Amino acid sequence: MRTRSALEFLGLWEELNNPNFKRVEFDTFKNESGSNGFVMTPQKWIKATNAVGIISKSGRYSNGTLAHKDIAFEFASWVSPEFKLYVI
């Protein structure tokens, strides 16, 4: 979630699917992305932008990060070109 292209994808997905998305905070993150000191966590993203496409929970028994299938497929296609071809 540190790259500009990842944040742009997440922001666009939220704009299309989330009427309560905080666009101003997203623009701030987008402008900061790519710099060496920029760090974005799922929880920071959710809290600041009111995002609904990613769910992140921390706790003793129920912890992890989940994403809507559109977002999960996009992130997985960045990791594996073979997976991307299967999806296409």
PDB file of N, CA and C in Angstrom:
ATOM      1  N   MET A   1       0.821  -1.204   0.000  1.00  0.00           N
ATOM      2  CA  MET A   1       0.000   0.000   0.000  1.00  0.00           C
ATOM      3  C   MET A   1       0.860   1.261   0.000  1.00  0.00           C
ATOM      4  N   ARG A   2       2.125   1.104  -0.300  1.00  0.00           N
ATOM      5  CA  ARG A   2       3.010   2.271  -0.289  1.00  0.00           C
ATOM      6  C   ARG A   2       3.122   2.939  -1.651  1.00  0.00           C
ATOM      7  N   THR A   3       2.827   2.214  -2.707  1.00  0.00           N
ATOM      8  CA  THR A   3       3.021   2.788  -4.036  1.00  0.00           C
ATOM      9  C   THR A   3       1.845   3.674  -4.439  1.00  0.00           C
ATOM     10  N   ARG A   4       2.137   4.610  -5.287  1.00  0.00           N
ATOM     11  CA  ARG A   4       1.111   5.529  -5.766  1.00  0.00           C
ATOM     12  C   ARG A   4       0.031   4.786  -6.557  1.00  0.00           C
ATOM     13  N   SER A   5       0.446   3.826  -7.384  1.00  0.00           N
ATOM     14  CA  SER A   5      -0.537   3.101  -8.195  1.00  0.00           C
ATOM     15  C   SER A   5      -1.485   2.274  -7.326  1.00  0.00           C
ATOM     16  N   ALA A   6      -0.980   1.701  -6.233  1.00  0.00           N
ATOM     17  CA  ALA A   6      -1.841   0.943  -5.320  1.00  0.00           C
ATOM     18  C   ALA A   6      -2.862   1.862  -4.663  1.00  0.00           C
ATOM     19  N   LEU A   7      -2.413   3.021  -4.199  1.00  0.00           N
ATOM     20  CA  LEU A   7      -3.332   3.962  -3.563  1.00  0.00           C
ATOM     21  C   LEU A   7      -4.346   4.521  -4.557  1.00  0.00           C
ATOM     22  N   GLU A   8      -3.916   4.775  -5.783  1.00  0.00           N
ATOM     23  CA  GLU A   8      -4.851   5.261  -6.796  1.00  0.00           C
ATOM     24  C   GLU A   8      -5.929   4.229  -7.073  1.00  0.00           C
ATOM     25  N   PHE A   9      -5.540   2.956  -7.156  1.00  0.00           N
ATOM     26  CA  PHE A   9      -6.529   1.896  -7.367  1.00  0.00           C
ATOM     27  C   PHE A   9      -7.519   1.840  -6.210  1.00  0.00           C
ATOM     28  N   LEU A  10      -6.990   1.831  -4.973  1.00  0.00           N
ATOM     29  CA  LEU A  10      -7.874   1.782  -3.803  1.00  0.00           C
ATOM     30  C   LEU A  10      -8.794   2.995  -3.750  1.00  0.00           C
ATOM     31  N   GLY A  11      -8.253   4.161  -4.039  1.00  0.00           N
ATOM     32  CA  GLY A  11      -9.060   5.380  -4.008  1.00  0.00           C
ATOM     33  C   GLY A  11     -10.164   5.364  -5.049  1.00  0.00           C
ATOM     34  N   LEU A  12      -9.845   4.916  -6.249  1.00  0.00           N
ATOM     35  CA  LEU A  12     -10.860   4.836  -7.298  1.00  0.00           C
ATOM     36  C   LEU A  12     -11.933   3.828  -6.939  1.00  0.00           C
ATOM     37  N   TRP A  13     -11.520   2.673  -6.406  1.00  0.00           N
ATOM     38  CA  TRP A  13     -12.508   1.668  -5.998  1.00  0.00           C
ATOM     39  C   TRP A  13     -13.443   2.245  -4.943  1.00  0.00           C
ATOM     40  N   GLU A  14     -12.888   2.936  -3.972  1.00  0.00           N
ATOM     41  CA  GLU A  14     -13.709   3.525  -2.906  1.00  0.00           C
ATOM     42  C   GLU A  14     -14.638   4.603  -3.459  1.00  0.00           C
ATOM     43  N   GLU A  15     -14.157   5.430  -4.365  1.00  0.00           N
ATOM     44  CA  GLU A  15     -15.015   6.465  -4.960  1.00  0.00           C
ATOM     45  C   GLU A  15     -16.215   5.857  -5.673  1.00  0.00           C
ATOM     46  N   LEU A  16     -16.004   4.733  -6.347  1.00  0.00           N
ATOM     47  CA  LEU A  16     -17.081   4.090  -7.093  1.00  0.00           C
ATOM     48  C   LEU A  16     -18.047   3.318  -6.205  1.00  0.00           C
ATOM     49  N   ASN A  17     -17.575   2.833  -5.060  1.00  0.00           N
ATOM     50  CA  ASN A  17     -18.375   1.919  -4.243  1.00  0.00           C
ATOM     51  C   ASN A  17     -18.717   2.422  -2.846  1.00  0.00           C
ATOM     52  N   ASN A  18     -18.196   3.573  -2.451  1.00  0.00           N
ATOM     53  CA  ASN A  18     -18.385   4.053  -1.084  1.00  0.00           C
ATOM     54  C   ASN A  18     -18.794   5.524  -1.087  1.00  0.00           C
ATOM     55  N   PRO A  19     -20.069   5.803  -0.852  1.00  0.00           N
ATOM     56  CA  PRO A  19     -20.508   7.204  -0.851  1.00  0.00           C
ATOM     57  C   PRO A  19     -19.947   8.017   0.320  1.00  0.00           C
ATOM     58  N   ASN A  20     -19.430   7.363   1.354  1.00  0.00           N
ATOM     59  CA  ASN A  20     -18.895   8.066   2.519  1.00  0.00           C
ATOM     60  C   ASN A  20     -17.368   8.181   2.497  1.00  0.00           C
ATOM     61  N   PHE A  21     -16.768   7.909   1.358  1.00  0.00           N
ATOM     62  CA  PHE A  21     -15.313   7.963   1.214  1.00  0.00           C
ATOM     63  C   PHE A  21     -14.824   9.399   1.373  1.00  0.00           C
ATOM     64  N   LYS A  22     -13.765   9.583   2.143  1.00  0.00           N
ATOM     65  CA  LYS A  22     -13.213  10.914   2.399  1.00  0.00           C
ATOM     66  C   LYS A  22     -12.137  11.226   1.366  1.00  0.00           C
ATOM     67  N   ARG A  23     -12.517  11.919   0.330  1.00  0.00           N
ATOM     68  CA  ARG A  23     -11.651  12.204  -0.812  1.00  0.00           C
ATOM     69  C   ARG A  23     -10.463  13.116  -0.442  1.00  0.00           C
ATOM     70  N   VAL A  24     -10.675  14.064   0.447  1.00  0.00           N
ATOM     71  CA  VAL A  24      -9.608  15.004   0.813  1.00  0.00           C
ATOM     72  C   VAL A  24      -8.442  14.258   1.462  1.00  0.00           C
ATOM     73  N   GLU A  25      -8.738  13.348   2.386  1.00  0.00           N
ATOM     74  CA  GLU A  25      -7.688  12.574   3.038  1.00  0.00           C
ATOM     75  C   GLU A  25      -6.974  11.689   2.014  1.00  0.00           C
ATOM     76  N   PHE A  26      -7.738  11.118   1.081  1.00  0.00           N
ATOM     77  CA  PHE A  26      -7.138  10.299   0.029  1.00  0.00           C
ATOM     78  C   PHE A  26      -6.155  11.116  -0.802  1.00  0.00           C
ATOM     79  N   ASP A  27      -6.525  12.318  -1.190  1.00  0.00           N
ATOM     80  CA  ASP A  27      -5.636  13.169  -1.977  1.00  0.00           C
ATOM     81  C   ASP A  27      -4.337  13.459  -1.235  1.00  0.00           C
ATOM     82  N   THR A  28      -4.425  13.651   0.081  1.00  0.00           N
ATOM     83  CA  THR A  28      -3.226  13.872   0.890  1.00  0.00           C
ATOM     84  C   THR A  28      -2.311  12.656   0.837  1.00  0.00           C
ATOM     85  N   PHE A  29      -2.868  11.473   1.020  1.00  0.00           N
ATOM     86  CA  PHE A  29      -2.075  10.244   0.959  1.00  0.00           C
ATOM     87  C   PHE A  29      -1.474  10.043  -0.427  1.00  0.00           C
ATOM     88  N   LYS A  30      -2.254  10.321  -1.452  1.00  0.00           N
ATOM     89  CA  LYS A  30      -1.771  10.134  -2.818  1.00  0.00           C
ATOM     90  C   LYS A  30      -0.575  11.040  -3.100  1.00  0.00           C
ATOM     91  N   ASN A  31      -0.626  12.259  -2.628  1.00  0.00           N
ATOM     92  CA  ASN A  31       0.483  13.188  -2.830  1.00  0.00           C
ATOM     93  C   ASN A  31       1.733  12.775  -2.062  1.00  0.00           C
ATOM     94  N   GLU A  32       1.562  12.155  -0.907  1.00  0.00           N
ATOM     95  CA  GLU A  32       2.691  11.730  -0.084  1.00  0.00           C
ATOM     96  C   GLU A  32       3.283  10.398  -0.552  1.00  0.00           C
ATOM     97  N   SER A  33       2.520   9.614  -1.285  1.00  0.00           N
ATOM     98  CA  SER A  33       2.969   8.276  -1.671  1.00  0.00           C
ATOM     99  C   SER A  33       4.204   8.343  -2.558  1.00  0.00           C
ATOM    100  N   GLY A  34       5.023   7.318  -2.416  1.00  0.00           N
ATOM    101  CA  GLY A  34       6.249   7.257  -3.195  1.00  0.00           C
ATOM    102  C   GLY A  34       7.449   7.844  -2.501  1.00  0.00           C
ATOM    103  N   SER A  35       7.245   8.668  -1.492  1.00  0.00           N
ATOM    104  CA  SER A  35       8.388   9.227  -0.764  1.00  0.00           C
ATOM    105  C   SER A  35       8.951   8.159   0.179  1.00  0.00           C
ATOM    106  N   ASN A  36      10.203   8.313   0.544  1.00  0.00           N
ATOM    107  CA  ASN A  36      10.868   7.311   1.386  1.00  0.00           C
ATOM    108  C   ASN A  36      10.233   7.168   2.757  1.00  0.00           C
ATOM    109  N   GLY A  37       9.716   8.231   3.305  1.00  0.00           N
ATOM    110  CA  GLY A  37       9.141   8.187   4.645  1.00  0.00           C
ATOM    111  C   GLY A  37       7.672   7.807   4.690  1.00  0.00           C
ATOM    112  N   PHE A  38       7.063   7.576   3.551  1.00  0.00           N
ATOM    113  CA  PHE A  38       5.626   7.283   3.514  1.00  0.00           C
ATOM    114  C   PHE A  38       5.355   5.838   3.907  1.00  0.00           C
ATOM    115  N   VAL A  39       4.481   5.662   4.882  1.00  0.00           N
ATOM    116  CA  VAL A  39       4.057   4.336   5.312  1.00  0.00           C
ATOM    117  C   VAL A  39       2.538   4.334   5.405  1.00  0.00           C
ATOM    118  N   MET A  40       1.918   3.356   4.767  1.00  0.00           N
ATOM    119  CA  MET A  40       0.460   3.223   4.827  1.00  0.00           C
ATOM    120  C   MET A  40       0.120   1.824   5.302  1.00  0.00           C
ATOM    121  N   THR A  41      -0.692   1.754   6.334  1.00  0.00           N
ATOM    122  CA  THR A  41      -1.174   0.473   6.829  1.00  0.00           C
ATOM    123  C   THR A  41      -2.666   0.372   6.516  1.00  0.00           C
ATOM    124  N   PRO A  42      -3.193  -0.838   6.449  1.00  0.00           N
ATOM    125  CA  PRO A  42      -4.626  -0.968   6.215  1.00  0.00           C
ATOM    126  C   PRO A  42      -5.465  -0.237   7.263  1.00  0.00           C
ATOM    127  N   GLN A  43      -5.082  -0.338   8.524  1.00  0.00           N
ATOM    128  CA  GLN A  43      -5.862   0.325   9.573  1.00  0.00           C
ATOM    129  C   GLN A  43      -5.808   1.845   9.449  1.00  0.00           C
ATOM    130  N   LYS A  44      -4.654   2.381   9.085  1.00  0.00           N
ATOM    131  CA  LYS A  44      -4.530   3.828   8.886  1.00  0.00           C
ATOM    132  C   LYS A  44      -5.397   4.270   7.705  1.00  0.00           C
ATOM    133  N   TRP A  45      -5.388   3.506   6.620  1.00  0.00           N
ATOM    134  CA  TRP A  45      -6.193   3.795   5.440  1.00  0.00           C
ATOM    135  C   TRP A  45      -7.678   3.806   5.777  1.00  0.00           C
ATOM    136  N   ILE A  46      -8.128   2.783   6.488  1.00  0.00           N
ATOM    137  CA  ILE A  46      -9.553   2.657   6.833  1.00  0.00           C
ATOM    138  C   ILE A  46      -9.995   3.805   7.730  1.00  0.00           C
ATOM    139  N   LYS A  47      -9.218   4.079   8.754  1.00  0.00           N
ATOM    140  CA  LYS A  47      -9.598   5.115   9.721  1.00  0.00           C
ATOM    141  C   LYS A  47      -9.625   6.511   9.092  1.00  0.00           C
ATOM    142  N   ALA A  48      -8.617   6.822   8.282  1.00  0.00           N
ATOM    143  CA  ALA A  48      -8.510   8.175   7.730  1.00  0.00           C
ATOM    144  C   ALA A  48      -9.495   8.439   6.603  1.00  0.00           C
ATOM    145  N   THR A  49      -9.782   7.435   5.783  1.00  0.00           N
ATOM    146  CA  THR A  49     -10.604   7.670   4.589  1.00  0.00           C
ATOM    147  C   THR A  49     -12.012   7.107   4.689  1.00  0.00           C
ATOM    148  N   ASN A  50     -12.319   6.429   5.781  1.00  0.00           N
ATOM    149  CA  ASN A  50     -13.618   5.785   5.936  1.00  0.00           C
ATOM    150  C   ASN A  50     -13.818   4.703   4.869  1.00  0.00           C
ATOM    151  N   ALA A  51     -12.759   3.982   4.560  1.00  0.00           N
ATOM    152  CA  ALA A  51     -12.784   2.963   3.504  1.00  0.00           C
ATOM    153  C   ALA A  51     -13.597   1.742   3.925  1.00  0.00           C
ATOM    154  N   VAL A  52     -14.240   1.107   2.943  1.00  0.00           N
ATOM    155  CA  VAL A  52     -15.019  -0.099   3.203  1.00  0.00           C
ATOM    156  C   VAL A  52     -14.519  -1.301   2.402  1.00  0.00           C
ATOM    157  N   GLY A  53     -13.602  -1.102   1.479  1.00  0.00           N
ATOM    158  CA  GLY A  53     -13.120  -2.184   0.628  1.00  0.00           C
ATOM    159  C   GLY A  53     -12.133  -3.091   1.314  1.00  0.00           C
ATOM    160  N   ILE A  54     -11.528  -2.630   2.391  1.00  0.00           N
ATOM    161  CA  ILE A  54     -10.563  -3.415   3.161  1.00  0.00           C
ATOM    162  C   ILE A  54     -11.017  -3.439   4.611  1.00  0.00           C
ATOM    163  N   ILE A  55     -10.917  -4.610   5.222  1.00  0.00           N
ATOM    164  CA  ILE A  55     -11.250  -4.780   6.637  1.00  0.00           C
ATOM    165  C   ILE A  55      -9.998  -5.294   7.322  1.00  0.00           C
ATOM    166  N   SER A  56      -9.610  -4.657   8.400  1.00  0.00           N
ATOM    167  CA  SER A  56      -8.418  -5.075   9.136  1.00  0.00           C
ATOM    168  C   SER A  56      -8.773  -5.167  10.611  1.00  0.00           C
ATOM    169  N   LYS A  57      -8.507  -6.329  11.199  1.00  0.00           N
ATOM    170  CA  LYS A  57      -8.793  -6.540  12.612  1.00  0.00           C
ATOM    171  C   LYS A  57      -7.536  -7.054  13.291  1.00  0.00           C
ATOM    172  N   SER A  58      -7.316  -6.579  14.482  1.00  0.00           N
ATOM    173  CA  SER A  58      -6.216  -7.100  15.278  1.00  0.00           C
ATOM    174  C   SER A  58      -6.779  -7.551  16.619  1.00  0.00           C
ATOM    175  N   GLY A  59      -6.315  -8.663  17.058  1.00  0.00           N
ATOM    176  CA  GLY A  59      -6.781  -9.213  18.318  1.00  0.00           C
ATOM    177  C   GLY A  59      -6.154 -10.573  18.538  1.00  0.00           C
ATOM    178  N   ARG A  60      -6.481 -11.142  19.633  1.00  0.00           N
ATOM    179  CA  ARG A  60      -5.856 -12.415  19.977  1.00  0.00           C
ATOM    180  C   ARG A  60      -6.319 -13.548  19.076  1.00  0.00           C
ATOM    181  N   TYR A  61      -7.600 -13.631  18.784  1.00  0.00           N
ATOM    182  CA  TYR A  61      -8.120 -14.761  18.018  1.00  0.00           C
ATOM    183  C   TYR A  61      -8.634 -14.390  16.631  1.00  0.00           C
ATOM    184  N   SER A  62      -8.980 -13.153  16.438  1.00  0.00           N
ATOM    185  CA  SER A  62      -9.512 -12.756  15.123  1.00  0.00           C
ATOM    186  C   SER A  62      -8.694 -11.588  14.584  1.00  0.00           C
ATOM    187  N   ASN A  63      -7.570 -11.914  13.955  1.00  0.00           N
ATOM    188  CA  ASN A  63      -6.766 -10.843  13.389  1.00  0.00           C
ATOM    189  C   ASN A  63      -6.483 -11.148  11.925  1.00  0.00           C
ATOM    190  N   GLY A  64      -6.273 -10.105  11.166  1.00  0.00           N
ATOM    191  CA  GLY A  64      -5.965 -10.260   9.761  1.00  0.00           C
ATOM    192  C   GLY A  64      -6.556  -9.131   8.946  1.00  0.00           C
ATOM    193  N   THR A  65      -6.231  -9.145   7.665  1.00  0.00           N
ATOM    194  CA  THR A  65      -6.733  -8.138   6.743  1.00  0.00           C
ATOM    195  C   THR A  65      -7.450  -8.835   5.613  1.00  0.00           C
ATOM    196  N   LEU A  66      -8.657  -8.388   5.349  1.00  0.00           N
ATOM    197  CA  LEU A  66      -9.483  -8.930   4.273  1.00  0.00           C
ATOM    198  C   LEU A  66      -9.789  -7.812   3.291  1.00  0.00           C
ATOM    199  N   ALA A  67     -10.003  -8.176   2.039  1.00  0.00           N
ATOM    200  CA  ALA A  67     -10.312  -7.175   1.023  1.00  0.00           C
ATOM    201  C   ALA A  67     -11.460  -7.667   0.150  1.00  0.00           C
ATOM    202  N   HIS A  68     -12.196  -6.722  -0.416  1.00  0.00           N
ATOM    203  CA  HIS A  68     -13.222  -7.050  -1.395  1.00  0.00           C
ATOM    204  C   HIS A  68     -12.554  -7.806  -2.540  1.00  0.00           C
ATOM    205  N   LYS A  69     -13.295  -8.677  -3.200  1.00  0.00           N
ATOM    206  CA  LYS A  69     -12.688  -9.525  -4.227  1.00  0.00           C
ATOM    207  C   LYS A  69     -12.049  -8.718  -5.352  1.00  0.00           C
ATOM    208  N   ASP A  70     -12.600  -7.556  -5.710  1.00  0.00           N
ATOM    209  CA  ASP A  70     -11.995  -6.722  -6.751  1.00  0.00           C
ATOM    210  C   ASP A  70     -10.588  -6.289  -6.345  1.00  0.00           C
ATOM    211  N   ILE A  71     -10.462  -5.872  -5.109  1.00  0.00           N
ATOM    212  CA  ILE A  71      -9.178  -5.401  -4.591  1.00  0.00           C
ATOM    213  C   ILE A  71      -8.219  -6.574  -4.433  1.00  0.00           C
ATOM    214  N   ALA A  72      -8.711  -7.688  -3.913  1.00  0.00           N
ATOM    215  CA  ALA A  72      -7.857  -8.862  -3.719  1.00  0.00           C
ATOM    216  C   ALA A  72      -7.309  -9.362  -5.051  1.00  0.00           C
ATOM    217  N   PHE A  73      -8.141  -9.414  -6.086  1.00  0.00           N
ATOM    218  CA  PHE A  73      -7.674  -9.866  -7.401  1.00  0.00           C
ATOM    219  C   PHE A  73      -6.617  -8.929  -7.965  1.00  0.00           C
ATOM    220  N   GLU A  74      -6.807  -7.632  -7.785  1.00  0.00           N
ATOM    221  CA  GLU A  74      -5.838  -6.667  -8.305  1.00  0.00           C
ATOM    222  C   GLU A  74      -4.499  -6.806  -7.584  1.00  0.00           C
ATOM    223  N   PHE A  75      -4.524  -6.918  -6.265  1.00  0.00           N
ATOM    224  CA  PHE A  75      -3.286  -7.069  -5.523  1.00  0.00           C
ATOM    225  C   PHE A  75      -2.606  -8.394  -5.869  1.00  0.00           C
ATOM    226  N   ALA A  76      -3.374  -9.454  -6.002  1.00  0.00           N
ATOM    227  CA  ALA A  76      -2.789 -10.752  -6.350  1.00  0.00           C
ATOM    228  C   ALA A  76      -2.191 -10.729  -7.748  1.00  0.00           C
ATOM    229  N   SER A  77      -2.781  -9.983  -8.656  1.00  0.00           N
ATOM    230  CA  SER A  77      -2.242  -9.923 -10.018  1.00  0.00           C
ATOM    231  C   SER A  77      -0.921  -9.157 -10.053  1.00  0.00           C
ATOM    232  N   TRP A  78      -0.686  -8.259  -9.097  1.00  0.00           N
ATOM    233  CA  TRP A  78       0.599  -7.569  -9.017  1.00  0.00           C
ATOM    234  C   TRP A  78       1.674  -8.531  -8.527  1.00  0.00           C
ATOM    235  N   VAL A  79       1.286  -9.464  -7.680  1.00  0.00           N
ATOM    236  CA  VAL A  79       2.250 -10.391  -7.099  1.00  0.00           C
ATOM    237  C   VAL A  79       2.635 -11.483  -8.099  1.00  0.00           C
ATOM    238  N   SER A  80       1.653 -11.966  -8.867  1.00  0.00           N
ATOM    239  CA  SER A  80       1.910 -13.092  -9.752  1.00  0.00           C
ATOM    240  C   SER A  80       1.352 -12.846 -11.151  1.00  0.00           C
ATOM    241  N   PRO A  81       2.214 -12.702 -12.150  1.00  0.00           N
ATOM    242  CA  PRO A  81       1.730 -12.551 -13.517  1.00  0.00           C
ATOM    243  C   PRO A  81       0.930 -13.789 -13.975  1.00  0.00           C
ATOM    244  N   GLU A  82       1.316 -14.962 -13.492  1.00  0.00           N
ATOM    245  CA  GLU A  82       0.588 -16.182 -13.860  1.00  0.00           C
ATOM    246  C   GLU A  82      -0.861 -16.115 -13.348  1.00  0.00           C
ATOM    247  N   PHE A  83      -1.029 -15.685 -12.101  1.00  0.00           N
ATOM    248  CA  PHE A  83      -2.378 -15.544 -11.539  1.00  0.00           C
ATOM    249  C   PHE A  83      -3.190 -14.544 -12.358  1.00  0.00           C
ATOM    250  N   LYS A  84      -2.562 -13.443 -12.729  1.00  0.00           N
ATOM    251  CA  LYS A  84      -3.256 -12.429 -13.512  1.00  0.00           C
ATOM    252  C   LYS A  84      -3.771 -12.996 -14.831  1.00  0.00           C
ATOM    253  N   LEU A  85      -2.968 -13.814 -15.484  1.00  0.00           N
ATOM    254  CA  LEU A  85      -3.406 -14.438 -16.735  1.00  0.00           C
ATOM    255  C   LEU A  85      -4.574 -15.396 -16.519  1.00  0.00           C
ATOM    256  N   TYR A  86      -4.565 -16.128 -15.405  1.00  0.00           N
ATOM    257  CA  TYR A  86      -5.698 -17.015 -15.105  1.00  0.00           C
ATOM    258  C   TYR A  86      -6.971 -16.214 -14.857  1.00  0.00           C
ATOM    259  N   VAL A  87      -6.850 -15.081 -14.189  1.00  0.00           N
ATOM    260  CA  VAL A  87      -8.021 -14.238 -13.915  1.00  0.00           C
ATOM    261  C   VAL A  87      -8.589 -13.672 -15.213  1.00  0.00           C
ATOM    262  N   ILE A  88      -7.686 -13.229 -16.089  1.00  0.00           N
ATOM    263  CA  ILE A  88      -8.125 -12.648 -17.359  1.00  0.00           C
ATOM    264  C   ILE A  88      -8.811 -13.708 -18.185  1.00  0.00           C
TER     265      ILE A  88
END
